[in-house]
Amino acid sequence: MDSTGNLSLWVGKRQASIDIYTDWCDNSLDSFFDLDMNSVWNRSMIPFITWEITLCNHTNEDDPGITIRINNNSYDPYINKFGDRMKNWLAGPDGIYGTNDDRRAFVRLGHEMNGNWYSWSKGSIPNNFVLAWRHTYNILLNKGINATRLQWVWSVASKDYGQYTAEDYWVGANYTDWLGINVFNAGSSANGSKWEWPNEILDNMMGRFNKLSSTKPISVNAYATVGVRTGNTTDVQSKNEWLRQMCDYINNNNIKMASYYNADQPTQDNMVFGGTHGDVIWNNYKAYSAYRNCLQTNDWIEPNMNNPRLITDKQFTGILSSSTGIYILKKQDTLKIFMILSLFFCLYENVIM
């Protein structure tokens, strides 16, 4: 996690949460809760769990039809173990859930289900996913885990792939706390891809989100842009402009959580800090100033070390003030989260991830 610490120093704010991944494997439970979750919390960050529906020693593409088997109760023993471990971890050091030393976490189950590449979208139909989500959700809910300690994030790809839409996979407003989306601008880095500005990627799904629920907070759970706008040469200026426009989009569209995917791929220079390109250098790290500039307003908050759960209940749940059903943005009540690969920062009106 040294890179996240350096990025925090560069930005000038402490991150409030970090994104960690886990699978559906009994053998992962000890290391996940005892090492990963504890390590994040001990650094005064809230875990954001990406819970991939993937079995032991498998990739996330190796188990087509797994949602059907979830609905046949094949994985109830595992889900119950996970739920018990989760409640015990949320209970904090005293082991008693509902006391002052309780913890918090976000959980994103089976993300990008409207794509056609993950096991939870293969060998099944959307209703299998919906029922599997609700089945898993209910098992944890019945253990007494409530929304002040655990927030659920339903997270889609920015575009539909294959024969089904994101709406086909909608689990219902009673089964998620957040709506989420992943946003990637691949530029000219892949065959058939093209440069797309944030509004070109987001506008369609954001409009569709509003039809699914006008009250759920919206999150961008992973976003990134390459630097290659045309050809195979990095265009630092264009990447900075993309990041600036994304910052504006987040602020202007009431997005409450945004996570930058700060990891390069073989043909994609996604990183905004510590990568091979940038317009500034900080302590030998190349970086993109537009990302840092986005976080320099006084709106952003950091973890409150005097709060045993680091941020307030309203910030954690992304609650907006409401008057006669109309949701009104109020600085003291709202939340946005920026993430970079696997970290959040909190802001007064936004929280950085």
Protein backbone atom coordinates (compact mmCIF):
# COMPACT_ATOMS: atom_id res chain seq x y z
CA MET A 1 0.00 0.00 0.00
CA ASP A 2 3.03 2.32 -0.17
CA SER A 3 1.83 3.78 -3.47
CA THR A 4 -1.49 4.78 -1.93
CA GLY A 5 0.33 6.52 0.89
CA ASN A 6 2.51 8.42 -1.56
CA LEU A 7 -0.50 9.40 -3.61
CA SER A 8 -2.20 10.68 -0.47
CA LEU A 9 0.84 12.82 0.28
CA TRP A 10 0.87 14.16 -3.27
CA VAL A 11 -2.83 14.99 -3.20
CA GLY A 12 -2.57 16.41 0.30
CA LYS A 13 -5.47 14.44 1.78
CA ARG A 14 -5.86 11.14 3.63
CA GLN A 15 -7.84 8.46 1.86
CA ALA A 16 -10.93 7.26 3.70
CA SER A 17 -11.38 3.85 2.11
CA ILE A 18 -9.69 1.25 -0.05
CA ASP A 19 -11.03 -1.25 -2.58
CA ILE A 20 -10.20 -4.92 -1.94
CA TYR A 21 -11.25 -8.01 -3.87
CA THR A 22 -12.33 -11.42 -2.66
CA ASP A 23 -13.84 -14.60 -4.12
CA TRP A 24 -16.36 -17.25 -3.02
CA CYS A 25 -13.88 -19.62 -1.41
CA ASP A 26 -13.84 -20.95 2.16
CA ASN A 27 -10.04 -20.96 2.03
CA SER A 28 -10.00 -17.19 1.45
CA LEU A 29 -12.01 -16.22 4.52
CA ASP A 30 -9.20 -16.21 7.10
CA SER A 31 -6.76 -14.16 5.04
CA PHE A 32 -9.48 -11.82 3.81
CA PHE A 33 -10.92 -10.89 7.18
CA ASP A 34 -7.86 -11.32 9.40
CA LEU A 35 -5.33 -9.73 7.06
CA ASP A 36 -6.94 -7.68 4.28
CA MET A 37 -9.89 -6.19 6.15
CA ASN A 38 -7.92 -5.58 9.34
CA SER A 39 -5.04 -4.02 7.44
CA VAL A 40 -7.38 -1.54 5.75
CA TRP A 41 -9.18 -0.61 8.97
CA ASN A 42 -5.96 -0.30 10.95
CA ARG A 43 -4.89 2.35 8.47
CA SER A 44 -8.11 4.27 9.21
CA MET A 45 -9.78 3.39 5.92
CA ILE A 46 -13.16 1.80 5.18
CA PRO A 47 -12.98 -1.42 3.12
CA PHE A 48 -14.79 -1.31 -0.21
CA ILE A 49 -15.24 -5.01 -1.01
CA THR A 50 -15.55 -6.18 -4.61
CA TRP A 51 -17.07 -9.61 -4.04
CA GLU A 52 -16.49 -11.64 -7.20
CA ILE A 53 -18.68 -14.74 -7.52
CA THR A 54 -15.72 -16.97 -8.29
CA LEU A 55 -14.77 -20.32 -6.74
CA CYS A 56 -11.44 -21.42 -5.25
CA ASN A 57 -8.44 -21.17 -7.59
CA HIS A 58 -10.66 -20.12 -10.50
CA THR A 59 -10.61 -16.99 -12.63
CA ASN A 60 -13.71 -14.83 -12.71
CA GLU A 61 -14.68 -16.50 -16.01
CA ASP A 62 -14.42 -20.16 -14.94
CA ASP A 63 -17.82 -20.78 -13.34
CA PRO A 64 -20.64 -20.18 -15.86
CA GLY A 65 -24.07 -20.87 -14.42
CA ILE A 66 -22.92 -20.17 -10.87
CA THR A 67 -25.94 -17.97 -10.13
CA ILE A 68 -28.24 -20.92 -10.85
CA ARG A 69 -26.37 -22.99 -8.29
CA ILE A 70 -26.60 -20.16 -5.75
CA ASN A 71 -30.38 -20.25 -6.14
CA ASN A 72 -30.31 -24.02 -5.59
CA ASN A 73 -28.74 -23.29 -2.16
CA SER A 74 -25.47 -24.97 -3.20
CA TYR A 75 -23.40 -22.17 -1.65
CA ASP A 76 -25.47 -21.42 1.44
CA PRO A 77 -22.79 -22.86 3.76
CA TYR A 78 -20.21 -20.47 2.29
CA ILE A 79 -22.55 -17.45 2.28
CA ASN A 80 -23.43 -18.11 5.92
CA LYS A 81 -19.76 -18.36 6.86
CA PHE A 82 -19.02 -15.14 5.02
CA GLY A 83 -21.95 -13.41 6.71
CA ASP A 84 -20.88 -14.60 10.17
CA ARG A 85 -17.31 -13.44 9.57
CA MET A 86 -18.57 -10.13 8.22
CA LYS A 87 -20.78 -9.44 11.22
CA ASN A 88 -17.97 -10.40 13.60
CA TRP A 89 -15.56 -8.08 11.78
CA LEU A 90 -18.09 -5.23 11.73
CA ALA A 91 -18.58 -5.73 15.49
CA GLY A 92 -15.05 -4.47 16.10
CA PRO A 93 -12.54 -5.48 18.78
CA ASP A 94 -15.15 -6.12 21.50
CA GLY A 95 -16.93 -8.66 19.26
CA ILE A 96 -20.35 -7.21 20.13
CA TYR A 97 -22.30 -5.87 17.16
CA GLY A 98 -24.02 -2.55 17.82
CA THR A 99 -21.49 -0.97 20.18
CA ASN A 100 -19.26 2.07 19.85
CA ASP A 101 -16.29 0.25 18.34
CA ASP A 102 -18.26 -1.16 15.38
CA ARG A 103 -16.78 -0.81 11.90
CA ARG A 104 -18.11 -0.15 8.39
CA ALA A 105 -17.71 -1.63 4.90
CA PHE A 106 -19.12 -1.32 1.39
CA VAL A 107 -19.76 -4.47 -0.67
CA ARG A 108 -20.05 -4.63 -4.47
CA LEU A 109 -21.35 -8.07 -5.47
CA GLY A 110 -20.97 -9.45 -9.02
CA HIS A 111 -20.08 -6.20 -10.79
CA GLU A 112 -20.49 -5.55 -14.56
CA MET A 113 -23.15 -8.21 -14.80
CA ASN A 114 -24.47 -6.58 -18.00
CA GLY A 115 -21.20 -7.53 -19.66
CA ASN A 116 -20.62 -10.95 -21.19
CA TRP A 117 -17.25 -11.85 -19.67
CA TYR A 118 -17.84 -12.85 -16.04
CA SER A 119 -19.15 -16.18 -14.75
CA TRP A 120 -22.13 -14.52 -13.07
CA SER A 121 -23.32 -13.42 -16.52
CA LYS A 122 -22.53 -16.65 -18.36
CA GLY A 123 -24.61 -19.82 -18.60
CA SER A 124 -27.60 -18.13 -17.02
CA ILE A 125 -30.24 -15.44 -17.55
CA PRO A 126 -30.55 -12.12 -15.71
CA ASN A 127 -33.29 -13.37 -13.42
CA ASN A 128 -30.85 -15.97 -12.08
CA PHE A 129 -28.51 -13.13 -11.10
CA VAL A 130 -31.31 -11.09 -9.53
CA LEU A 131 -32.48 -14.02 -7.42
CA ALA A 132 -28.90 -14.94 -6.45
CA TRP A 133 -28.22 -11.35 -5.34
CA ARG A 134 -31.41 -11.22 -3.28
CA HIS A 135 -30.70 -14.65 -1.78
CA THR A 136 -27.21 -13.55 -0.69
CA TYR A 137 -28.44 -10.17 0.53
CA ASN A 138 -31.19 -11.77 2.63
CA ILE A 139 -28.83 -14.23 4.29
CA LEU A 140 -26.62 -11.36 5.51
CA LEU A 141 -29.62 -9.19 6.40
CA ASN A 142 -31.11 -11.98 8.50
CA LYS A 143 -27.93 -12.02 10.57
CA GLY A 144 -28.80 -8.51 11.73
CA ILE A 145 -26.29 -6.61 9.58
CA ASN A 146 -27.83 -3.22 8.84
CA ALA A 147 -27.12 -0.33 6.48
CA THR A 148 -25.26 1.77 9.06
CA ARG A 149 -22.50 -0.83 9.03
CA LEU A 150 -22.69 -2.40 5.53
CA GLN A 151 -23.68 -0.66 2.28
CA TRP A 152 -24.48 -2.66 -0.87
CA VAL A 153 -23.44 -1.38 -4.31
CA TRP A 154 -25.12 -2.64 -7.51
CA SER A 155 -22.53 -1.84 -10.19
CA VAL A 156 -22.86 -2.17 -13.99
CA ALA A 157 -20.68 -1.69 -17.07
CA SER A 158 -21.24 1.65 -18.80
CA LYS A 159 -22.58 -0.14 -21.88
CA ASP A 160 -24.56 -3.33 -22.35
CA TYR A 161 -22.80 -6.25 -24.02
CA GLY A 162 -24.61 -9.25 -25.41
CA GLN A 163 -28.37 -9.74 -25.43
CA TYR A 164 -29.28 -8.33 -22.01
CA THR A 165 -29.44 -4.83 -20.55
CA ALA A 166 -28.48 -3.46 -17.17
CA GLU A 167 -32.17 -3.06 -16.43
CA ASP A 168 -32.63 -6.81 -16.89
CA TYR A 169 -30.22 -7.30 -13.98
CA TRP A 170 -31.83 -4.71 -11.69
CA VAL A 171 -32.15 -6.25 -8.22
CA GLY A 172 -34.69 -3.72 -6.99
CA ALA A 173 -34.49 -0.66 -4.78
CA ASN A 174 -35.01 -2.73 -1.62
CA TYR A 175 -31.87 -4.79 -2.26
CA THR A 176 -29.15 -2.20 -2.85
CA ASP A 177 -28.05 1.06 -1.26
CA TRP A 178 -26.07 2.47 -4.21
CA LEU A 179 -26.17 2.41 -8.01
CA GLY A 180 -22.73 1.99 -9.55
CA ILE A 181 -21.06 2.12 -12.95
CA ASN A 182 -17.60 1.45 -14.40
CA VAL A 183 -16.21 3.94 -16.94
CA PHE A 184 -13.21 3.30 -19.21
CA ASN A 185 -11.90 5.34 -22.13
CA ALA A 186 -9.72 3.01 -24.17
CA GLY A 187 -8.83 5.59 -26.83
CA SER A 188 -6.92 3.96 -29.67
CA SER A 189 -5.30 1.34 -27.41
CA ALA A 190 -7.38 -1.60 -28.68
CA ASN A 191 -8.78 -2.77 -31.99
CA GLY A 192 -12.14 -1.13 -32.60
CA SER A 193 -11.88 1.28 -29.67
CA LYS A 194 -11.99 5.04 -29.95
CA TRP A 195 -11.48 8.06 -27.76
CA GLU A 196 -14.61 8.96 -25.80
CA TRP A 197 -15.09 11.90 -23.45
CA PRO A 198 -16.76 11.30 -20.06
CA ASN A 199 -20.17 12.61 -21.13
CA GLU A 200 -20.14 10.34 -24.18
CA ILE A 201 -19.59 7.32 -21.95
CA LEU A 202 -21.82 8.25 -19.03
CA ASP A 203 -24.85 10.17 -20.28
CA ASN A 204 -26.84 7.17 -21.47
CA MET A 205 -26.48 5.04 -18.34
CA MET A 206 -26.93 8.00 -16.00
CA GLY A 207 -30.30 8.70 -17.62
CA ARG A 208 -31.26 5.07 -17.24
CA PHE A 209 -30.20 5.08 -13.59
CA ASN A 210 -32.62 7.89 -12.88
CA LYS A 211 -35.45 5.75 -14.22
CA LEU A 212 -34.44 2.83 -12.00
CA SER A 213 -34.29 4.99 -8.87
CA SER A 214 -34.33 8.73 -8.41
CA THR A 215 -33.29 8.46 -4.75
CA LYS A 216 -30.32 6.07 -4.66
CA PRO A 217 -26.85 7.67 -4.56
CA ILE A 218 -24.81 7.07 -7.71
CA SER A 219 -21.24 5.84 -7.73
CA VAL A 220 -18.54 5.45 -10.37
CA ASN A 221 -16.78 2.40 -8.99
CA ALA A 222 -13.89 2.34 -11.46
CA TYR A 223 -12.96 4.92 -14.07
CA ALA A 224 -9.85 5.36 -16.16
CA THR A 225 -8.54 6.84 -19.35
CA VAL A 226 -5.58 5.96 -21.50
CA GLY A 227 -3.33 8.63 -22.95
CA VAL A 228 -3.39 7.41 -26.54
CA ARG A 229 -6.04 9.41 -28.34
CA THR A 230 -4.91 8.40 -31.82
CA GLY A 231 -2.16 6.07 -32.95
CA ASN A 232 0.07 4.68 -30.21
CA THR A 233 1.65 7.82 -28.73
CA THR A 234 0.57 9.15 -25.35
CA ASP A 235 -1.11 12.54 -25.50
CA VAL A 236 -0.60 13.94 -22.00
CA GLN A 237 -2.62 17.07 -22.70
CA SER A 238 -5.67 15.12 -23.89
CA LYS A 239 -5.52 12.80 -20.90
CA ASN A 240 -5.37 15.76 -18.53
CA GLU A 241 -8.34 17.31 -20.30
CA TRP A 242 -10.28 14.03 -20.00
CA LEU A 243 -9.56 13.97 -16.25
CA ARG A 244 -10.64 17.59 -15.90
CA GLN A 245 -13.90 16.90 -17.72
CA MET A 246 -14.50 13.82 -15.57
CA CYS A 247 -14.08 15.93 -12.45
CA ASP A 248 -16.64 18.40 -13.79
CA TYR A 249 -18.99 15.57 -14.68
CA ILE A 250 -18.82 14.12 -11.17
CA ASN A 251 -19.51 17.51 -9.59
CA ASN A 252 -22.28 18.48 -12.00
CA ASN A 253 -24.20 15.19 -12.01
CA ASN A 254 -24.55 14.44 -8.33
CA ILE A 255 -22.23 11.44 -8.41
CA LYS A 256 -21.45 10.46 -4.84
CA MET A 257 -18.63 7.96 -5.34
CA ALA A 258 -15.88 7.78 -7.94
CA SER A 259 -12.95 5.39 -8.09
CA TYR A 260 -9.96 5.88 -10.38
CA TYR A 261 -8.44 2.64 -11.71
CA ASN A 262 -4.77 3.49 -11.24
CA ALA A 263 -3.24 0.47 -12.96
CA ASP A 264 -1.61 0.18 -16.37
CA GLN A 265 -2.36 -2.71 -18.72
CA PRO A 266 0.01 -4.02 -21.43
CA THR A 267 -1.42 -1.63 -24.05
CA GLN A 268 -3.16 0.88 -21.75
CA ASP A 269 -1.43 3.66 -19.81
CA ASN A 270 -4.24 4.27 -17.31
CA MET A 271 -2.23 5.47 -14.32
CA VAL A 272 -2.57 9.03 -13.05
CA PHE A 273 0.13 8.57 -10.40
CA GLY A 274 3.27 6.47 -10.56
CA GLY A 275 2.93 5.48 -14.21
CA THR A 276 5.14 6.05 -17.24
CA HIS A 277 3.63 9.40 -18.24
CA GLY A 278 2.37 12.62 -16.71
CA ASP A 279 2.75 16.37 -16.84
CA VAL A 280 4.33 16.68 -13.38
CA ILE A 281 6.90 14.78 -11.31
CA TRP A 282 6.57 14.46 -7.53
CA ASN A 283 9.30 12.60 -5.60
CA ASN A 284 10.23 10.71 -8.77
CA TYR A 285 6.58 9.74 -9.43
CA LYS A 286 5.12 10.90 -12.73
CA ALA A 287 1.56 12.13 -12.32
CA TYR A 288 -1.31 13.99 -13.97
CA SER A 289 -2.03 17.32 -12.34
CA ALA A 290 -5.71 17.36 -13.38
CA TYR A 291 -6.43 14.51 -10.98
CA ARG A 292 -4.83 16.29 -8.05
CA ASN A 293 -6.42 19.62 -8.98
CA CYS A 294 -9.84 18.02 -8.78
CA LEU A 295 -9.29 17.27 -5.11
CA GLN A 296 -8.05 20.64 -3.93
CA THR A 297 -11.38 22.23 -2.99
CA ASN A 298 -12.36 22.55 0.65
CA ASP A 299 -15.40 20.33 0.05
CA TRP A 300 -13.41 17.17 0.55
CA ILE A 301 -13.24 15.59 3.97
CA GLU A 302 -10.80 13.08 5.37
CA PRO A 303 -11.34 10.26 7.88
CA ASN A 304 -12.37 11.63 11.25
CA MET A 305 -10.13 9.95 13.80
CA ASN A 306 -12.54 10.98 16.55
CA ASN A 307 -15.34 9.00 14.86
CA PRO A 308 -14.91 5.27 15.57
CA ARG A 309 -16.49 4.59 12.17
CA LEU A 310 -14.42 7.27 10.39
CA ILE A 311 -17.26 9.05 8.57
CA THR A 312 -20.82 9.88 9.58
CA ASP A 313 -23.82 7.64 8.93
CA LYS A 314 -25.18 10.13 6.37
CA GLN A 315 -21.87 10.29 4.52
CA PHE A 316 -21.58 6.51 4.54
CA THR A 317 -25.07 6.04 3.12
CA GLY A 318 -24.84 8.86 0.59
CA ILE A 319 -28.01 10.39 1.98
CA LEU A 320 -29.24 13.63 0.47
CA SER A 321 -31.51 16.03 2.28
CA SER A 322 -35.11 15.66 1.18
CA SER A 323 -38.04 18.02 1.20
CA THR A 324 -41.40 16.74 -0.07
CA GLY A 325 -39.64 14.06 -2.08
CA ILE A 326 -37.25 16.46 -3.83
CA TYR A 327 -33.62 15.68 -3.07
CA ILE A 328 -31.66 18.85 -2.38
CA LEU A 329 -27.88 18.96 -2.29
CA LYS A 330 -26.66 20.25 1.06
CA LYS A 331 -22.97 20.46 1.74
CA GLN A 332 -23.16 19.13 5.27
CA ASP A 333 -25.30 16.13 4.33
CA THR A 334 -23.92 14.78 1.09
CA LEU A 335 -21.19 12.41 0.04
CA LYS A 336 -19.06 11.72 -2.98
CA ILE A 337 -16.26 9.22 -3.02
CA PHE A 338 -13.22 9.31 -5.28
CA MET A 339 -11.17 6.13 -5.49
CA ILE A 340 -7.86 5.55 -7.18
CA LEU A 341 -7.43 1.89 -7.97
CA SER A 342 -8.02 0.77 -4.41
CA LEU A 343 -8.50 3.81 -2.26
CA PHE A 344 -11.05 6.43 -1.28
CA PHE A 345 -10.79 9.93 -0.02
CA CYS A 346 -13.78 11.50 1.69
CA LEU A 347 -15.16 14.89 0.87
CA TYR A 348 -17.72 17.05 2.55
CA GLU A 349 -19.82 17.08 -0.49
CA ASN A 350 -17.77 14.34 -2.06
CA VAL A 351 -15.76 11.41 -0.78
CA ILE A 352 -12.64 10.52 -2.73
CA MET A 353 -11.98 6.89 -3.38
